All heavy atoms as atom14 arrays in JSON, in Angstrom:
{
  "sequence": "QKIIELGGEVRFNSKVTDIIVEGHKLTGLEI",
  "atom14_mask": [
    [1, 1, 1, 1, 1, 1, 1, 1, 1, 0, 0, 0, 0, 0],
    [1, 1, 1, 1, 1, 1, 1, 1, 1, 0, 0, 0, 0, 0],
    [1, 1, 1, 1, 1, 1, 1, 1, 0, 0, 0, 0, 0, 0],
    [1, 1, 1, 1, 1, 1, 1, 1, 0, 0, 0, 0, 0, 0],
    [1, 1, 1, 1, 1, 1, 1, 1, 1, 0, 0, 0, 0, 0],
    [1, 1, 1, 1, 1, 1, 1, 1, 0, 0, 0, 0, 0, 0],
    [1, 1, 1, 1, 0, 0, 0, 0, 0, 0, 0, 0, 0, 0],
    [1, 1, 1, 1, 0, 0, 0, 0, 0, 0, 0, 0, 0, 0],
    [1, 1, 1, 1, 1, 1, 1, 1, 1, 0, 0, 0, 0, 0],
    [1, 1, 1, 1, 1, 1, 1, 0, 0, 0, 0, 0, 0, 0],
    [1, 1, 1, 1, 1, 1, 1, 1, 1, 1, 1, 0, 0, 0],
    [1, 1, 1, 1, 1, 1, 1, 1, 1, 1, 1, 0, 0, 0],
    [1, 1, 1, 1, 1, 1, 1, 1, 0, 0, 0, 0, 0, 0],
    [1, 1, 1, 1, 1, 1, 0, 0, 0, 0, 0, 0, 0, 0],
    [1, 1, 1, 1, 1, 1, 1, 1, 1, 0, 0, 0, 0, 0],
    [1, 1, 1, 1, 1, 1, 1, 0, 0, 0, 0, 0, 0, 0],
    [1, 1, 1, 1, 1, 1, 1, 0, 0, 0, 0, 0, 0, 0],
    [1, 1, 1, 1, 1, 1, 1, 1, 0, 0, 0, 0, 0, 0],
    [1, 1, 1, 1, 1, 1, 1, 1, 0, 0, 0, 0, 0, 0],
    [1, 1, 1, 1, 1, 1, 1, 1, 0, 0, 0, 0, 0, 0],
    [1, 1, 1, 1, 1, 1, 1, 0, 0, 0, 0, 0, 0, 0],
    [1, 1, 1, 1, 1, 1, 1, 1, 1, 0, 0, 0, 0, 0],
    [1, 1, 1, 1, 0, 0, 0, 0, 0, 0, 0, 0, 0, 0],
    [1, 1, 1, 1, 1, 1, 1, 1, 1, 1, 0, 0, 0, 0],
    [1, 1, 1, 1, 1, 1, 1, 1, 1, 0, 0, 0, 0, 0],
    [1, 1, 1, 1, 1, 1, 1, 1, 0, 0, 0, 0, 0, 0],
    [1, 1, 1, 1, 1, 1, 1, 0, 0, 0, 0, 0, 0, 0],
    [1, 1, 1, 1, 0, 0, 0, 0, 0, 0, 0, 0, 0, 0],
    [1, 1, 1, 1, 1, 1, 1, 1, 0, 0, 0, 0, 0, 0],
    [1, 1, 1, 1, 1, 1, 1, 1, 1, 0, 0, 0, 0, 0],
    [1, 1, 1, 1, 1, 1, 1, 1, 0, 0, 0, 0, 0, 0]
  ],
  "atom14_positions": [
    [[2.36, 12.59, -34.04], [1.56, 13.71, -34.35], [0.8, 14.2, -33.03], [0.66, 15.4, -32.85], [0.52, 13.43, -35.4], [1.15, 13.33, -36.79], [1.85, 14.59, -37.19], [3.06, 14.55, -37.54], [1.19, 15.72, -37.1], [0.0, 0.0, 0.0], [0.0, 0.0, 0.0], [0.0, 0.0, 0.0], [0.0, 0.0, 0.0], [0.0, 0.0, 0.0]],
    [[0.34, 13.31, -32.23], [-0.31, 13.66, -30.99], [0.6, 14.37, -30.01], [0.26, 15.39, -29.42], [-0.91, 12.46, -30.31], [-1.56, 12.71, -29.01], [-2.69, 13.8, -29.04], [-3.89, 13.32, -29.87], [-4.97, 14.32, -29.83], [0.0, 0.0, 0.0], [0.0, 0.0, 0.0], [0.0, 0.0, 0.0], [0.0, 0.0, 0.0], [0.0, 0.0, 0.0]],
    [[1.84, 13.92, -29.91], [2.88, 14.57, -29.12], [3.09, 16.04, -29.59], [3.13, 16.96, -28.79], [4.2, 13.79, -29.13], [4.03, 12.43, -28.36], [5.32, 14.6, -28.49], [5.19, 11.48, -28.51], [0.0, 0.0, 0.0], [0.0, 0.0, 0.0], [0.0, 0.0, 0.0], [0.0, 0.0, 0.0], [0.0, 0.0, 0.0], [0.0, 0.0, 0.0]],
    [[3.12, 16.17, -30.89], [3.38, 17.56, -31.45], [2.18, 18.42, -31.18], [2.32, 19.56, -30.82], [3.67, 17.41, -32.95], [5.09, 16.73, -33.14], [3.7, 18.81, -33.62], [5.36, 16.4, -34.61], [0.0, 0.0, 0.0], [0.0, 0.0, 0.0], [0.0, 0.0, 0.0], [0.0, 0.0, 0.0], [0.0, 0.0, 0.0], [0.0, 0.0, 0.0]],
    [[0.96, 17.83, -31.37], [-0.26, 18.6, -31.14], [-0.32, 19.1, -29.65], [-0.85, 20.2, -29.4], [-1.48, 17.77, -31.4], [-1.8, 17.51, -32.91], [-2.91, 16.52, -33.08], [-3.64, 16.28, -32.07], [-3.06, 15.99, -34.21], [0.0, 0.0, 0.0], [0.0, 0.0, 0.0], [0.0, 0.0, 0.0], [0.0, 0.0, 0.0], [0.0, 0.0, 0.0]],
    [[0.25, 18.29, -28.78], [0.18, 18.62, -27.39], [1.29, 19.52, -26.89], [1.45, 19.8, -25.73], [0.15, 17.35, -26.51], [-1.08, 16.47, -26.68], [-0.84, 15.07, -26.09], [-2.3, 17.11, -26.0], [0.0, 0.0, 0.0], [0.0, 0.0, 0.0], [0.0, 0.0, 0.0], [0.0, 0.0, 0.0], [0.0, 0.0, 0.0], [0.0, 0.0, 0.0]],
    [[2.13, 19.97, -27.86], [3.19, 20.94, -27.52], [4.57, 20.35, -27.54], [5.58, 21.12, -27.25], [0.0, 0.0, 0.0], [0.0, 0.0, 0.0], [0.0, 0.0, 0.0], [0.0, 0.0, 0.0], [0.0, 0.0, 0.0], [0.0, 0.0, 0.0], [0.0, 0.0, 0.0], [0.0, 0.0, 0.0], [0.0, 0.0, 0.0], [0.0, 0.0, 0.0]],
    [[4.71, 19.05, -27.79], [6.04, 18.48, -27.82], [6.67, 18.66, -29.2], [6.13, 19.28, -30.07], [0.0, 0.0, 0.0], [0.0, 0.0, 0.0], [0.0, 0.0, 0.0], [0.0, 0.0, 0.0], [0.0, 0.0, 0.0], [0.0, 0.0, 0.0], [0.0, 0.0, 0.0], [0.0, 0.0, 0.0], [0.0, 0.0, 0.0], [0.0, 0.0, 0.0]],
    [[7.95, 18.19, -29.29], [8.71, 18.3, -30.59], [9.46, 17.06, -30.79], [9.95, 16.42, -29.86], [9.67, 19.5, -30.45], [10.45, 19.76, -31.73], [11.46, 20.85, -31.62], [11.45, 21.54, -30.56], [12.23, 21.04, -32.53], [0.0, 0.0, 0.0], [0.0, 0.0, 0.0], [0.0, 0.0, 0.0], [0.0, 0.0, 0.0], [0.0, 0.0, 0.0]],
    [[9.54, 16.57, -32.03], [10.31, 15.39, -32.4], [11.31, 15.82, -33.49], [10.95, 16.42, -34.49], [9.37, 14.31, -32.94], [10.19, 13.06, -33.27], [8.23, 13.99, -31.93], [0.0, 0.0, 0.0], [0.0, 0.0, 0.0], [0.0, 0.0, 0.0], [0.0, 0.0, 0.0], [0.0, 0.0, 0.0], [0.0, 0.0, 0.0], [0.0, 0.0, 0.0]],
    [[12.61, 15.5, -33.21], [13.65, 15.81, -34.15], [14.32, 14.52, -34.56], [14.83, 13.74, -33.75], [14.72, 16.73, -33.48], [14.22, 18.04, -33.12], [15.34, 18.86, -32.56], [14.87, 20.12, -31.92], [15.61, 20.96, -31.24], [16.93, 20.69, -31.1], [15.1, 22.11, -30.69], [0.0, 0.0, 0.0], [0.0, 0.0, 0.0], [0.0, 0.0, 0.0]],
    [[14.31, 14.24, -35.89], [14.92, 13.09, -36.46], [16.39, 13.41, -36.84], [16.78, 14.59, -36.92], [14.1, 12.63, -37.64], [12.71, 12.16, -37.25], [11.61, 12.87, -37.63], [12.56, 11.0, -36.45], [10.35, 12.51, -37.23], [11.3, 10.6, -36.12], [10.16, 11.35, -36.46], [0.0, 0.0, 0.0], [0.0, 0.0, 0.0], [0.0, 0.0, 0.0]],
    [[17.12, 12.34, -37.16], [18.51, 12.48, -37.54], [19.33, 13.26, -36.53], [20.16, 14.06, -36.85], [18.6, 13.13, -38.96], [17.8, 12.38, -39.98], [17.98, 11.16, -40.16], [16.88, 13.05, -40.62], [0.0, 0.0, 0.0], [0.0, 0.0, 0.0], [0.0, 0.0, 0.0], [0.0, 0.0, 0.0], [0.0, 0.0, 0.0], [0.0, 0.0, 0.0]],
    [[18.98, 13.05, -35.27], [19.61, 13.79, -34.13], [20.12, 12.72, -33.15], [19.49, 12.33, -32.2], [18.55, 14.69, -33.48], [17.98, 15.61, -34.32], [0.0, 0.0, 0.0], [0.0, 0.0, 0.0], [0.0, 0.0, 0.0], [0.0, 0.0, 0.0], [0.0, 0.0, 0.0], [0.0, 0.0, 0.0], [0.0, 0.0, 0.0], [0.0, 0.0, 0.0]],
    [[21.4, 12.46, -33.33], [22.11, 11.46, -32.56], [22.81, 12.13, -31.39], [23.56, 13.08, -31.57], [23.09, 10.67, -33.43], [23.93, 9.68, -32.7], [24.92, 8.97, -33.71], [25.83, 8.02, -33.01], [26.73, 7.4, -34.04], [0.0, 0.0, 0.0], [0.0, 0.0, 0.0], [0.0, 0.0, 0.0], [0.0, 0.0, 0.0], [0.0, 0.0, 0.0]],
    [[22.57, 11.67, -30.22], [23.25, 12.19, -29.01], [24.67, 11.58, -28.98], [24.79, 10.37, -28.75], [22.48, 11.98, -27.76], [23.33, 12.36, -26.51], [21.19, 12.75, -27.77], [0.0, 0.0, 0.0], [0.0, 0.0, 0.0], [0.0, 0.0, 0.0], [0.0, 0.0, 0.0], [0.0, 0.0, 0.0], [0.0, 0.0, 0.0], [0.0, 0.0, 0.0]],
    [[25.64, 12.39, -29.18], [27.02, 11.95, -29.25], [27.83, 12.15, -27.96], [28.89, 11.57, -27.84], [27.78, 12.64, -30.37], [27.54, 14.05, -30.36], [27.28, 12.07, -31.78], [0.0, 0.0, 0.0], [0.0, 0.0, 0.0], [0.0, 0.0, 0.0], [0.0, 0.0, 0.0], [0.0, 0.0, 0.0], [0.0, 0.0, 0.0], [0.0, 0.0, 0.0]],
    [[27.22, 12.88, -27.0], [27.9, 13.08, -25.73], [26.9, 13.6, -24.75], [25.82, 14.2, -25.14], [29.08, 14.07, -25.82], [30.11, 13.81, -24.71], [29.85, 12.98, -23.83], [31.16, 14.44, -24.77], [0.0, 0.0, 0.0], [0.0, 0.0, 0.0], [0.0, 0.0, 0.0], [0.0, 0.0, 0.0], [0.0, 0.0, 0.0], [0.0, 0.0, 0.0]],
    [[27.1, 13.43, -23.43], [26.35, 14.08, -22.38], [27.23, 15.02, -21.66], [28.44, 14.77, -21.49], [25.72, 13.01, -21.45], [26.74, 12.17, -20.77], [24.63, 12.14, -22.19], [26.21, 11.26, -19.68], [0.0, 0.0, 0.0], [0.0, 0.0, 0.0], [0.0, 0.0, 0.0], [0.0, 0.0, 0.0], [0.0, 0.0, 0.0], [0.0, 0.0, 0.0]],
    [[26.6, 16.12, -21.15], [27.4, 17.09, -20.4], [27.02, 16.94, -18.94], [25.83, 17.07, -18.57], [27.07, 18.52, -20.88], [27.38, 18.64, -22.41], [27.85, 19.55, -20.1], [26.8, 19.88, -23.05], [0.0, 0.0, 0.0], [0.0, 0.0, 0.0], [0.0, 0.0, 0.0], [0.0, 0.0, 0.0], [0.0, 0.0, 0.0], [0.0, 0.0, 0.0]],
    [[27.99, 16.64, -18.11], [27.76, 16.34, -16.74], [28.6, 17.31, -15.87], [29.82, 17.42, -16.1], [28.15, 14.85, -16.37], [27.91, 14.55, -14.9], [27.32, 13.89, -17.28], [0.0, 0.0, 0.0], [0.0, 0.0, 0.0], [0.0, 0.0, 0.0], [0.0, 0.0, 0.0], [0.0, 0.0, 0.0], [0.0, 0.0, 0.0], [0.0, 0.0, 0.0]],
    [[27.98, 17.94, -14.83], [28.7, 18.8, -13.92], [28.27, 18.38, -12.53], [27.1, 18.41, -12.21], [28.29, 20.25, -14.16], [28.69, 20.74, -15.63], [28.22, 22.19, -15.86], [27.68, 22.79, -14.91], [28.44, 22.63, -17.0], [0.0, 0.0, 0.0], [0.0, 0.0, 0.0], [0.0, 0.0, 0.0], [0.0, 0.0, 0.0], [0.0, 0.0, 0.0]],
    [[29.29, 17.95, -11.73], [29.06, 17.54, -10.39], [28.01, 16.38, -10.29], [27.15, 16.38, -9.43], [0.0, 0.0, 0.0], [0.0, 0.0, 0.0], [0.0, 0.0, 0.0], [0.0, 0.0, 0.0], [0.0, 0.0, 0.0], [0.0, 0.0, 0.0], [0.0, 0.0, 0.0], [0.0, 0.0, 0.0], [0.0, 0.0, 0.0], [0.0, 0.0, 0.0]],
    [[28.23, 15.42, -11.12], [27.4, 14.24, -11.14], [25.92, 14.55, -11.47], [24.99, 13.77, -11.17], [27.43, 13.46, -9.81], [28.8, 12.94, -9.44], [29.35, 11.85, -10.15], [29.68, 13.4, -8.57], [30.53, 11.62, -9.65], [30.78, 12.56, -8.64], [0.0, 0.0, 0.0], [0.0, 0.0, 0.0], [0.0, 0.0, 0.0], [0.0, 0.0, 0.0]],
    [[25.7, 15.65, -12.17], [24.35, 16.06, -12.6], [24.36, 16.35, -14.12], [25.33, 16.99, -14.59], [23.86, 17.31, -11.86], [23.61, 17.15, -10.4], [23.09, 18.42, -9.78], [22.85, 18.28, -8.3], [22.33, 19.53, -7.68], [0.0, 0.0, 0.0], [0.0, 0.0, 0.0], [0.0, 0.0, 0.0], [0.0, 0.0, 0.0], [0.0, 0.0, 0.0]],
    [[23.37, 15.84, -14.81], [23.23, 16.11, -16.21], [22.85, 17.62, -16.38], [21.95, 18.1, -15.77], [22.12, 15.22, -16.8], [21.81, 15.46, -18.28], [22.95, 14.87, -19.15], [20.46, 14.87, -18.66], [0.0, 0.0, 0.0], [0.0, 0.0, 0.0], [0.0, 0.0, 0.0], [0.0, 0.0, 0.0], [0.0, 0.0, 0.0], [0.0, 0.0, 0.0]],
    [[23.61, 18.28, -17.3], [23.23, 19.62, -17.6], [22.96, 19.87, -19.1], [22.41, 20.89, -19.48], [24.36, 20.65, -17.24], [25.61, 20.29, -17.88], [24.62, 20.56, -15.68], [0.0, 0.0, 0.0], [0.0, 0.0, 0.0], [0.0, 0.0, 0.0], [0.0, 0.0, 0.0], [0.0, 0.0, 0.0], [0.0, 0.0, 0.0], [0.0, 0.0, 0.0]],
    [[23.35, 18.91, -19.92], [23.1, 19.08, -21.35], [23.52, 17.89, -22.18], [24.08, 16.9, -21.69], [0.0, 0.0, 0.0], [0.0, 0.0, 0.0], [0.0, 0.0, 0.0], [0.0, 0.0, 0.0], [0.0, 0.0, 0.0], [0.0, 0.0, 0.0], [0.0, 0.0, 0.0], [0.0, 0.0, 0.0], [0.0, 0.0, 0.0], [0.0, 0.0, 0.0]],
    [[23.26, 17.99, -23.48], [23.59, 16.92, -24.47], [24.34, 17.53, -25.66], [24.13, 18.71, -25.96], [22.29, 16.34, -24.97], [21.31, 15.76, -23.93], [20.0, 15.39, -24.6], [21.86, 14.69, -23.12], [0.0, 0.0, 0.0], [0.0, 0.0, 0.0], [0.0, 0.0, 0.0], [0.0, 0.0, 0.0], [0.0, 0.0, 0.0], [0.0, 0.0, 0.0]],
    [[25.18, 16.71, -26.21], [25.76, 17.11, -27.53], [25.11, 16.25, -28.6], [24.91, 15.08, -28.44], [27.26, 16.78, -27.48], [27.95, 17.12, -28.78], [29.43, 16.69, -28.82], [29.67, 15.47, -29.13], [30.27, 17.48, -28.45], [0.0, 0.0, 0.0], [0.0, 0.0, 0.0], [0.0, 0.0, 0.0], [0.0, 0.0, 0.0], [0.0, 0.0, 0.0]],
    [[24.71, 16.96, -29.69], [23.94, 16.26, -30.78], [24.73, 16.31, -32.04], [25.17, 17.48, -32.48], [22.56, 16.91, -30.91], [21.82, 16.88, -29.59], [21.78, 16.2, -31.97], [20.51, 17.66, -29.6], [0.0, 0.0, 0.0], [0.0, 0.0, 0.0], [0.0, 0.0, 0.0], [0.0, 0.0, 0.0], [0.0, 0.0, 0.0], [0.0, 0.0, 0.0]]
  ]
}
């Protein structure tokens, strides 16, 4: 709740099934 109050967000039932990498750099996630 404190994280949310401070502007963060929490998402449940959200499994990261892949990572997106371009040129050895992370650019995104697949959920």
